[in-house]
């Protein structure tokens, strides 16, 4: 069942951001997404794998910190979170 979630989110992500005229940076959370982005030669600036099934704030805080820092340092103009619910 989780495979469909992964496939659909990756399909959405590629559909939305391949249309951008400017370069897009990606932070991948999970092995499957990371592998697909790398195979598609996307600019993956970081990847976070091996998170527990129910991650705590301390498990994911580095992800948020990296995204916020990229924005505050002017390296990116926008930050999008793409996730399944």
PDB file of N, CA and C in Angstrom:
ATOM      1  N   UNK A   1       0.824  -1.195   0.000  1.00  0.00           N
ATOM      2  CA  UNK A   1       0.000   0.000   0.000  1.00  0.00           C
ATOM      3  C   UNK A   1       0.865   1.254   0.000  1.00  0.00           C
ATOM      4  N   UNK A   2       1.951   1.278   0.695  1.00  0.00           N
ATOM      5  CA  UNK A   2       2.791   2.475   0.760  1.00  0.00           C
ATOM      6  C   UNK A   2       3.394   2.818  -0.596  1.00  0.00           C
ATOM      7  N   UNK A   3       3.560   1.815  -1.458  1.00  0.00           N
ATOM      8  CA  UNK A   3       4.126   2.056  -2.775  1.00  0.00           C
ATOM      9  C   UNK A   3       3.297   3.029  -3.586  1.00  0.00           C
ATOM     10  N   UNK A   4       1.964   2.944  -3.500  1.00  0.00           N
ATOM     11  CA  UNK A   4       1.094   3.860  -4.243  1.00  0.00           C
ATOM     12  C   UNK A   4       1.257   5.294  -3.740  1.00  0.00           C
ATOM     13  N   UNK A   5       1.384   5.465  -2.433  1.00  0.00           N
ATOM     14  CA  UNK A   5       1.612   6.804  -1.896  1.00  0.00           C
ATOM     15  C   UNK A   5       2.910   7.388  -2.447  1.00  0.00           C
ATOM     16  N   UNK A   6       3.967   6.603  -2.410  1.00  0.00           N
ATOM     17  CA  UNK A   6       5.261   7.073  -2.901  1.00  0.00           C
ATOM     18  C   UNK A   6       5.201   7.418  -4.380  1.00  0.00           C
ATOM     19  N   UNK A   7       4.607   6.539  -5.170  1.00  0.00           N
ATOM     20  CA  UNK A   7       4.524   6.763  -6.609  1.00  0.00           C
ATOM     21  C   UNK A   7       3.725   8.021  -6.923  1.00  0.00           C
ATOM     22  N   UNK A   8       2.596   8.203  -6.261  1.00  0.00           N
ATOM     23  CA  UNK A   8       1.749   9.365  -6.533  1.00  0.00           C
ATOM     24  C   UNK A   8       2.416  10.670  -6.122  1.00  0.00           C
ATOM     25  N   UNK A   9       3.105  10.686  -5.010  1.00  0.00           N
ATOM     26  CA  UNK A   9       3.752  11.938  -4.583  1.00  0.00           C
ATOM     27  C   UNK A   9       4.910  12.290  -5.497  1.00  0.00           C
ATOM     28  N   UNK A  10       5.636  11.296  -5.951  1.00  0.00           N
ATOM     29  CA  UNK A  10       6.749  11.548  -6.860  1.00  0.00           C
ATOM     30  C   UNK A  10       6.217  12.028  -8.200  1.00  0.00           C
ATOM     31  N   UNK A  11       5.142  11.418  -8.685  1.00  0.00           N
ATOM     32  CA  UNK A  11       4.522  11.848  -9.937  1.00  0.00           C
ATOM     33  C   UNK A  11       4.081  13.312  -9.825  1.00  0.00           C
ATOM     34  N   UNK A  12       3.432  13.670  -8.717  1.00  0.00           N
ATOM     35  CA  UNK A  12       2.994  15.050  -8.505  1.00  0.00           C
ATOM     36  C   UNK A  12       4.184  16.007  -8.473  1.00  0.00           C
ATOM     37  N   UNK A  13       5.191  15.638  -7.726  1.00  0.00           N
ATOM     38  CA  UNK A  13       6.382  16.470  -7.571  1.00  0.00           C
ATOM     39  C   UNK A  13       7.036  16.767  -8.923  1.00  0.00           C
ATOM     40  N   UNK A  14       7.235  15.734  -9.716  1.00  0.00           N
ATOM     41  CA  UNK A  14       7.859  15.926 -11.028  1.00  0.00           C
ATOM     42  C   UNK A  14       6.971  16.742 -11.951  1.00  0.00           C
ATOM     43  N   UNK A  15       5.674  16.507 -11.912  1.00  0.00           N
ATOM     44  CA  UNK A  15       4.746  17.267 -12.754  1.00  0.00           C
ATOM     45  C   UNK A  15       4.770  18.756 -12.391  1.00  0.00           C
ATOM     46  N   UNK A  16       4.754  19.054 -11.118  1.00  0.00           N
ATOM     47  CA  UNK A  16       4.704  20.454 -10.673  1.00  0.00           C
ATOM     48  C   UNK A  16       6.025  21.194 -10.914  1.00  0.00           C
ATOM     49  N   UNK A  17       7.132  20.602 -10.517  1.00  0.00           N
ATOM     50  CA  UNK A  17       8.381  21.349 -10.516  1.00  0.00           C
ATOM     51  C   UNK A  17       9.192  21.229 -11.794  1.00  0.00           C
ATOM     52  N   UNK A  18       8.875  20.294 -12.667  1.00  0.00           N
ATOM     53  CA  UNK A  18       9.558  20.250 -13.964  1.00  0.00           C
ATOM     54  C   UNK A  18       9.157  21.430 -14.838  1.00  0.00           C
ATOM     55  N   UNK A  19       8.053  22.089 -14.510  1.00  0.00           N
ATOM     56  CA  UNK A  19       7.575  23.236 -15.285  1.00  0.00           C
ATOM     57  C   UNK A  19       8.293  24.540 -14.923  1.00  0.00           C
ATOM     58  N   UNK A  20       9.006  24.554 -13.802  1.00  0.00           N
ATOM     59  CA  UNK A  20       9.662  25.778 -13.357  1.00  0.00           C
ATOM     60  C   UNK A  20      10.782  26.162 -14.313  1.00  0.00           C
ATOM     61  N   UNK A  21      10.862  27.443 -14.639  1.00  0.00           N
ATOM     62  CA  UNK A  21      11.900  27.932 -15.542  1.00  0.00           C
ATOM     63  C   UNK A  21      13.241  28.093 -14.824  1.00  0.00           C
ATOM     64  N   UNK A  22      13.200  28.226 -13.506  1.00  0.00           N
ATOM     65  CA  UNK A  22      14.431  28.387 -12.735  1.00  0.00           C
ATOM     66  C   UNK A  22      14.816  27.053 -12.100  1.00  0.00           C
ATOM     67  N   UNK A  23      16.093  26.878 -11.750  1.00  0.00           N
ATOM     68  CA  UNK A  23      16.523  25.609 -11.141  1.00  0.00           C
ATOM     69  C   UNK A  23      15.813  25.360  -9.810  1.00  0.00           C
ATOM     70  N   UNK A  24      15.505  24.109  -9.554  1.00  0.00           N
ATOM     71  CA  UNK A  24      14.838  23.698  -8.324  1.00  0.00           C
ATOM     72  C   UNK A  24      15.796  22.820  -7.527  1.00  0.00           C
ATOM     73  N   UNK A  25      15.855  23.049  -6.216  1.00  0.00           N
ATOM     74  CA  UNK A  25      16.648  22.219  -5.319  1.00  0.00           C
ATOM     75  C   UNK A  25      15.702  21.308  -4.550  1.00  0.00           C
ATOM     76  N   UNK A  26      16.158  20.093  -4.280  1.00  0.00           N
ATOM     77  CA  UNK A  26      15.325  19.122  -3.581  1.00  0.00           C
ATOM     78  C   UNK A  26      16.013  18.640  -2.313  1.00  0.00           C
ATOM     79  N   UNK A  27      15.218  18.487  -1.259  1.00  0.00           N
ATOM     80  CA  UNK A  27      15.637  17.801  -0.046  1.00  0.00           C
ATOM     81  C   UNK A  27      14.780  16.547   0.007  1.00  0.00           C
ATOM     82  N   UNK A  28      15.400  15.406  -0.117  1.00  0.00           N
ATOM     83  CA  UNK A  28      14.670  14.144  -0.172  1.00  0.00           C
ATOM     84  C   UNK A  28      14.561  13.531   1.221  1.00  0.00           C
ATOM     85  N   UNK A  29      13.372  13.070   1.544  1.00  0.00           N
ATOM     86  CA  UNK A  29      13.147  12.366   2.794  1.00  0.00           C
ATOM     87  C   UNK A  29      12.709  10.955   2.411  1.00  0.00           C
ATOM     88  N   UNK A  30      13.590  10.025   2.603  1.00  0.00           N
ATOM     89  CA  UNK A  30      13.309   8.642   2.242  1.00  0.00           C
ATOM     90  C   UNK A  30      14.133   8.182   1.057  1.00  0.00           C
ATOM     91  N   UNK A  31      14.423   6.917   1.060  1.00  0.00           N
ATOM     92  CA  UNK A  31      15.298   6.312   0.058  1.00  0.00           C
ATOM     93  C   UNK A  31      14.679   6.276  -1.335  1.00  0.00           C
ATOM     94  N   UNK A  32      13.403   5.920  -1.429  1.00  0.00           N
ATOM     95  CA  UNK A  32      12.770   5.785  -2.734  1.00  0.00           C
ATOM     96  C   UNK A  32      12.723   7.120  -3.475  1.00  0.00           C
ATOM     97  N   UNK A  33      12.316   8.168  -2.780  1.00  0.00           N
ATOM     98  CA  UNK A  33      12.278   9.487  -3.397  1.00  0.00           C
ATOM     99  C   UNK A  33      13.654   9.976  -3.789  1.00  0.00           C
ATOM    100  N   UNK A  34      14.607   9.767  -2.914  1.00  0.00           N
ATOM    101  CA  UNK A  34      15.985  10.159  -3.211  1.00  0.00           C
ATOM    102  C   UNK A  34      16.497   9.461  -4.458  1.00  0.00           C
ATOM    103  N   UNK A  35      16.301   8.163  -4.519  1.00  0.00           N
ATOM    104  CA  UNK A  35      16.794   7.391  -5.662  1.00  0.00           C
ATOM    105  C   UNK A  35      16.159   7.857  -6.971  1.00  0.00           C
ATOM    106  N   UNK A  36      14.863   8.109  -6.936  1.00  0.00           N
ATOM    107  CA  UNK A  36      14.193   8.557  -8.155  1.00  0.00           C
ATOM    108  C   UNK A  36      14.675   9.939  -8.585  1.00  0.00           C
ATOM    109  N   UNK A  37      14.823  10.846  -7.639  1.00  0.00           N
ATOM    110  CA  UNK A  37      15.297  12.190  -7.976  1.00  0.00           C
ATOM    111  C   UNK A  37      16.706  12.145  -8.557  1.00  0.00           C
ATOM    112  N   UNK A  38      17.548  11.325  -8.005  1.00  0.00           N
ATOM    113  CA  UNK A  38      18.920  11.206  -8.516  1.00  0.00           C
ATOM    114  C   UNK A  38      18.912  10.594  -9.915  1.00  0.00           C
ATOM    115  N   UNK A  39      18.086   9.561 -10.120  1.00  0.00           N
ATOM    116  CA  UNK A  39      17.989   8.962 -11.462  1.00  0.00           C
ATOM    117  C   UNK A  39      17.500   9.969 -12.496  1.00  0.00           C
ATOM    118  N   UNK A  40      16.636  10.887 -12.065  1.00  0.00           N
ATOM    119  CA  UNK A  40      16.113  11.921 -12.967  1.00  0.00           C
ATOM    120  C   UNK A  40      17.041  13.126 -13.055  1.00  0.00           C
ATOM    121  N   UNK A  41      18.209  13.010 -12.432  1.00  0.00           N
ATOM    122  CA  UNK A  41      19.243  14.056 -12.430  1.00  0.00           C
ATOM    123  C   UNK A  41      18.746  15.396 -11.853  1.00  0.00           C
ATOM    124  N   UNK A  42      17.969  15.298 -10.784  1.00  0.00           N
ATOM    125  CA  UNK A  42      17.495  16.489 -10.080  1.00  0.00           C
ATOM    126  C   UNK A  42      18.557  16.920  -9.074  1.00  0.00           C
ATOM    127  N   UNK A  43      18.528  18.183  -8.708  1.00  0.00           N
ATOM    128  CA  UNK A  43      19.506  18.753  -7.790  1.00  0.00           C
ATOM    129  C   UNK A  43      19.109  18.444  -6.342  1.00  0.00           C
ATOM    130  N   UNK A  44      19.538  17.298  -5.843  1.00  0.00           N
ATOM    131  CA  UNK A  44      19.253  16.887  -4.467  1.00  0.00           C
ATOM    132  C   UNK A  44      20.360  17.445  -3.587  1.00  0.00           C
ATOM    133  N   UNK A  45      20.005  18.412  -2.736  1.00  0.00           N
ATOM    134  CA  UNK A  45      21.025  19.048  -1.894  1.00  0.00           C
ATOM    135  C   UNK A  45      21.208  18.324  -0.566  1.00  0.00           C
ATOM    136  N   UNK A  46      20.229  17.487  -0.204  1.00  0.00           N
ATOM    137  CA  UNK A  46      20.345  16.698   1.035  1.00  0.00           C
ATOM    138  C   UNK A  46      19.332  15.566   0.972  1.00  0.00           C
ATOM    139  N   UNK A  47      19.617  14.524   1.743  1.00  0.00           N
ATOM    140  CA  UNK A  47      18.665  13.422   1.842  1.00  0.00           C
ATOM    141  C   UNK A  47      18.652  12.899   3.260  1.00  0.00           C
ATOM    142  N   UNK A  48      17.473  12.539   3.693  1.00  0.00           N
ATOM    143  CA  UNK A  48      17.282  12.035   5.044  1.00  0.00           C
ATOM    144  C   UNK A  48      16.577  10.690   4.937  1.00  0.00           C
ATOM    145  N   UNK A  49      17.296   9.634   5.241  1.00  0.00           N
ATOM    146  CA  UNK A  49      16.743   8.280   5.172  1.00  0.00           C
ATOM    147  C   UNK A  49      16.815   7.644   6.552  1.00  0.00           C
ATOM    148  N   UNK A  50      16.230   6.484   6.654  1.00  0.00           N
ATOM    149  CA  UNK A  50      16.260   5.694   7.890  1.00  0.00           C
ATOM    150  C   UNK A  50      15.599   6.393   9.073  1.00  0.00           C
ATOM    151  N   UNK A  51      14.548   7.167   8.800  1.00  0.00           N
ATOM    152  CA  UNK A  51      13.779   7.754   9.892  1.00  0.00           C
ATOM    153  C   UNK A  51      12.859   6.681  10.475  1.00  0.00           C
ATOM    154  N   UNK A  52      12.545   6.779  11.750  1.00  0.00           N
ATOM    155  CA  UNK A  52      11.633   5.793  12.334  1.00  0.00           C
ATOM    156  C   UNK A  52      10.221   5.947  11.753  1.00  0.00           C
ATOM    157  N   UNK A  53       9.376   4.923  11.860  1.00  0.00           N
ATOM    158  CA  UNK A  53       8.017   4.996  11.321  1.00  0.00           C
ATOM    159  C   UNK A  53       7.194   6.162  11.876  1.00  0.00           C
ATOM    160  N   UNK A  54       7.400   6.498  13.121  1.00  0.00           N
ATOM    161  CA  UNK A  54       6.724   7.647  13.736  1.00  0.00           C
ATOM    162  C   UNK A  54       7.801   8.604  14.230  1.00  0.00           C
ATOM    163  N   UNK A  55       8.366   9.430  13.332  1.00  0.00           N
ATOM    164  CA  UNK A  55       9.488  10.283  13.730  1.00  0.00           C
ATOM    165  C   UNK A  55       9.083  11.347  14.745  1.00  0.00           C
ATOM    166  N   UNK A  56       9.994  11.632  15.635  1.00  0.00           N
ATOM    167  CA  UNK A  56       9.781  12.691  16.622  1.00  0.00           C
ATOM    168  C   UNK A  56      10.291  14.012  16.043  1.00  0.00           C
ATOM    169  N   UNK A  57      10.039  15.083  16.766  1.00  0.00           N
ATOM    170  CA  UNK A  57      10.515  16.393  16.331  1.00  0.00           C
ATOM    171  C   UNK A  57      12.029  16.384  16.159  1.00  0.00           C
ATOM    172  N   UNK A  58      12.731  15.766  17.082  1.00  0.00           N
ATOM    173  CA  UNK A  58      14.195  15.750  16.983  1.00  0.00           C
ATOM    174  C   UNK A  58      14.667  14.961  15.760  1.00  0.00           C
ATOM    175  N   UNK A  59      13.869  13.973  15.325  1.00  0.00           N
ATOM    176  CA  UNK A  59      14.224  13.207  14.132  1.00  0.00           C
ATOM    177  C   UNK A  59      14.141  14.053  12.859  1.00  0.00           C
ATOM    178  N   UNK A  60      13.210  14.989  12.814  1.00  0.00           N
ATOM    179  CA  UNK A  60      12.964  15.743  11.581  1.00  0.00           C
ATOM    180  C   UNK A  60      13.405  17.207  11.651  1.00  0.00           C
ATOM    181  N   UNK A  61      13.867  17.660  12.781  1.00  0.00           N
ATOM    182  CA  UNK A  61      14.212  19.080  12.918  1.00  0.00           C
ATOM    183  C   UNK A  61      15.325  19.510  11.958  1.00  0.00           C
ATOM    184  N   UNK A  62      16.259  18.627  11.659  1.00  0.00           N
ATOM    185  CA  UNK A  62      17.338  18.976  10.731  1.00  0.00           C
ATOM    186  C   UNK A  62      16.801  19.244   9.327  1.00  0.00           C
ATOM    187  N   UNK A  63      15.744  18.555   8.953  1.00  0.00           N
ATOM    188  CA  UNK A  63      15.133  18.770   7.636  1.00  0.00           C
ATOM    189  C   UNK A  63      14.560  20.178   7.558  1.00  0.00           C
ATOM    190  N   UNK A  64      13.774  20.543   8.540  1.00  0.00           N
ATOM    191  CA  UNK A  64      13.184  21.871   8.577  1.00  0.00           C
ATOM    192  C   UNK A  64      14.226  22.971   8.678  1.00  0.00           C
ATOM    193  N   UNK A  65      15.230  22.724   9.496  1.00  0.00           N
ATOM    194  CA  UNK A  65      16.294  23.717   9.680  1.00  0.00           C
ATOM    195  C   UNK A  65      17.006  23.976   8.350  1.00  0.00           C
ATOM    196  N   UNK A  66      17.293  22.927   7.593  1.00  0.00           N
ATOM    197  CA  UNK A  66      17.957  23.087   6.307  1.00  0.00           C
ATOM    198  C   UNK A  66      17.096  23.887   5.339  1.00  0.00           C
ATOM    199  N   UNK A  67      15.812  23.567   5.255  1.00  0.00           N
ATOM    200  CA  UNK A  67      14.912  24.288   4.349  1.00  0.00           C
ATOM    201  C   UNK A  67      14.810  25.770   4.729  1.00  0.00           C
ATOM    202  N   UNK A  68      14.656  26.038   6.004  1.00  0.00           N
ATOM    203  CA  UNK A  68      14.553  27.433   6.469  1.00  0.00           C
ATOM    204  C   UNK A  68      15.861  28.179   6.218  1.00  0.00           C
ATOM    205  N   UNK A  69      16.990  27.560   6.494  1.00  0.00           N
ATOM    206  CA  UNK A  69      18.277  28.216   6.269  1.00  0.00           C
ATOM    207  C   UNK A  69      18.502  28.537   4.797  1.00  0.00           C
ATOM    208  N   UNK A  70      18.119  27.631   3.901  1.00  0.00           N
ATOM    209  CA  UNK A  70      18.245  27.902   2.464  1.00  0.00           C
ATOM    210  C   UNK A  70      17.467  29.165   2.093  1.00  0.00           C
ATOM    211  N   UNK A  71      16.286  29.329   2.682  1.00  0.00           N
ATOM    212  CA  UNK A  71      15.460  30.499   2.412  1.00  0.00           C
ATOM    213  C   UNK A  71      16.050  31.759   3.047  1.00  0.00           C
ATOM    214  N   UNK A  72      16.387  31.692   4.318  1.00  0.00           N
ATOM    215  CA  UNK A  72      16.902  32.871   5.023  1.00  0.00           C
ATOM    216  C   UNK A  72      18.231  33.361   4.459  1.00  0.00           C
ATOM    217  N   UNK A  73      19.038  32.447   3.939  1.00  0.00           N
ATOM    218  CA  UNK A  73      20.320  32.825   3.352  1.00  0.00           C
ATOM    219  C   UNK A  73      20.184  33.288   1.900  1.00  0.00           C
ATOM    220  N   UNK A  74      18.962  33.318   1.390  1.00  0.00           N
ATOM    221  CA  UNK A  74      18.722  33.792   0.031  1.00  0.00           C
ATOM    222  C   UNK A  74      19.126  32.809  -1.056  1.00  0.00           C
ATOM    223  N   UNK A  75      19.328  31.562  -0.694  1.00  0.00           N
ATOM    224  CA  UNK A  75      19.708  30.554  -1.690  1.00  0.00           C
ATOM    225  C   UNK A  75      18.498  30.071  -2.483  1.00  0.00           C
ATOM    226  N   UNK A  76      17.313  30.225  -1.907  1.00  0.00           N
ATOM    227  CA  UNK A  76      16.061  29.883  -2.591  1.00  0.00           C
ATOM    228  C   UNK A  76      15.042  30.986  -2.329  1.00  0.00           C
ATOM    229  N   UNK A  77      14.107  31.151  -3.258  1.00  0.00           N
ATOM    230  CA  UNK A  77      13.069  32.168  -3.112  1.00  0.00           C
ATOM    231  C   UNK A  77      11.801  31.622  -2.460  1.00  0.00           C
ATOM    232  N   UNK A  78      11.568  30.328  -2.631  1.00  0.00           N
ATOM    233  CA  UNK A  78      10.368  29.696  -2.096  1.00  0.00           C
ATOM    234  C   UNK A  78      10.731  28.320  -1.564  1.00  0.00           C
ATOM    235  N   UNK A  79       9.946  27.882  -0.578  1.00  0.00           N
ATOM    236  CA  UNK A  79      10.102  26.542  -0.029  1.00  0.00           C
ATOM    237  C   UNK A  79       8.738  25.865  -0.064  1.00  0.00           C
ATOM    238  N   UNK A  80       8.672  24.701  -0.646  1.00  0.00           N
ATOM    239  CA  UNK A  80       7.453  23.906  -0.693  1.00  0.00           C
ATOM    240  C   UNK A  80       7.671  22.611   0.061  1.00  0.00           C
ATOM    241  N   UNK A  81       6.672  22.194   0.797  1.00  0.00           N
ATOM    242  CA  UNK A  81       6.681  20.885   1.458  1.00  0.00           C
ATOM    243  C   UNK A  81       5.695  20.022   0.683  1.00  0.00           C
ATOM    244  N   UNK A  82       6.165  18.912   0.180  1.00  0.00           N
ATOM    245  CA  UNK A  82       5.302  17.991  -0.555  1.00  0.00           C
ATOM    246  C   UNK A  82       5.290  16.698   0.232  1.00  0.00           C
ATOM    247  N   UNK A  83       4.093  16.281   0.652  1.00  0.00           N
ATOM    248  CA  UNK A  83       4.005  15.100   1.516  1.00  0.00           C
ATOM    249  C   UNK A  83       2.666  14.412   1.317  1.00  0.00           C
ATOM    250  N   UNK A  84       2.568  13.188   1.794  1.00  0.00           N
ATOM    251  CA  UNK A  84       1.310  12.466   1.752  1.00  0.00           C
ATOM    252  C   UNK A  84       0.607  12.628   3.091  1.00  0.00           C
ATOM    253  N   UNK A  85      -0.686  12.472   3.072  1.00  0.00           N
ATOM    254  CA  UNK A  85      -1.468  12.584   4.299  1.00  0.00           C
ATOM    255  C   UNK A  85      -2.405  11.399   4.387  1.00  0.00           C
TER     256      UNK A  85
END
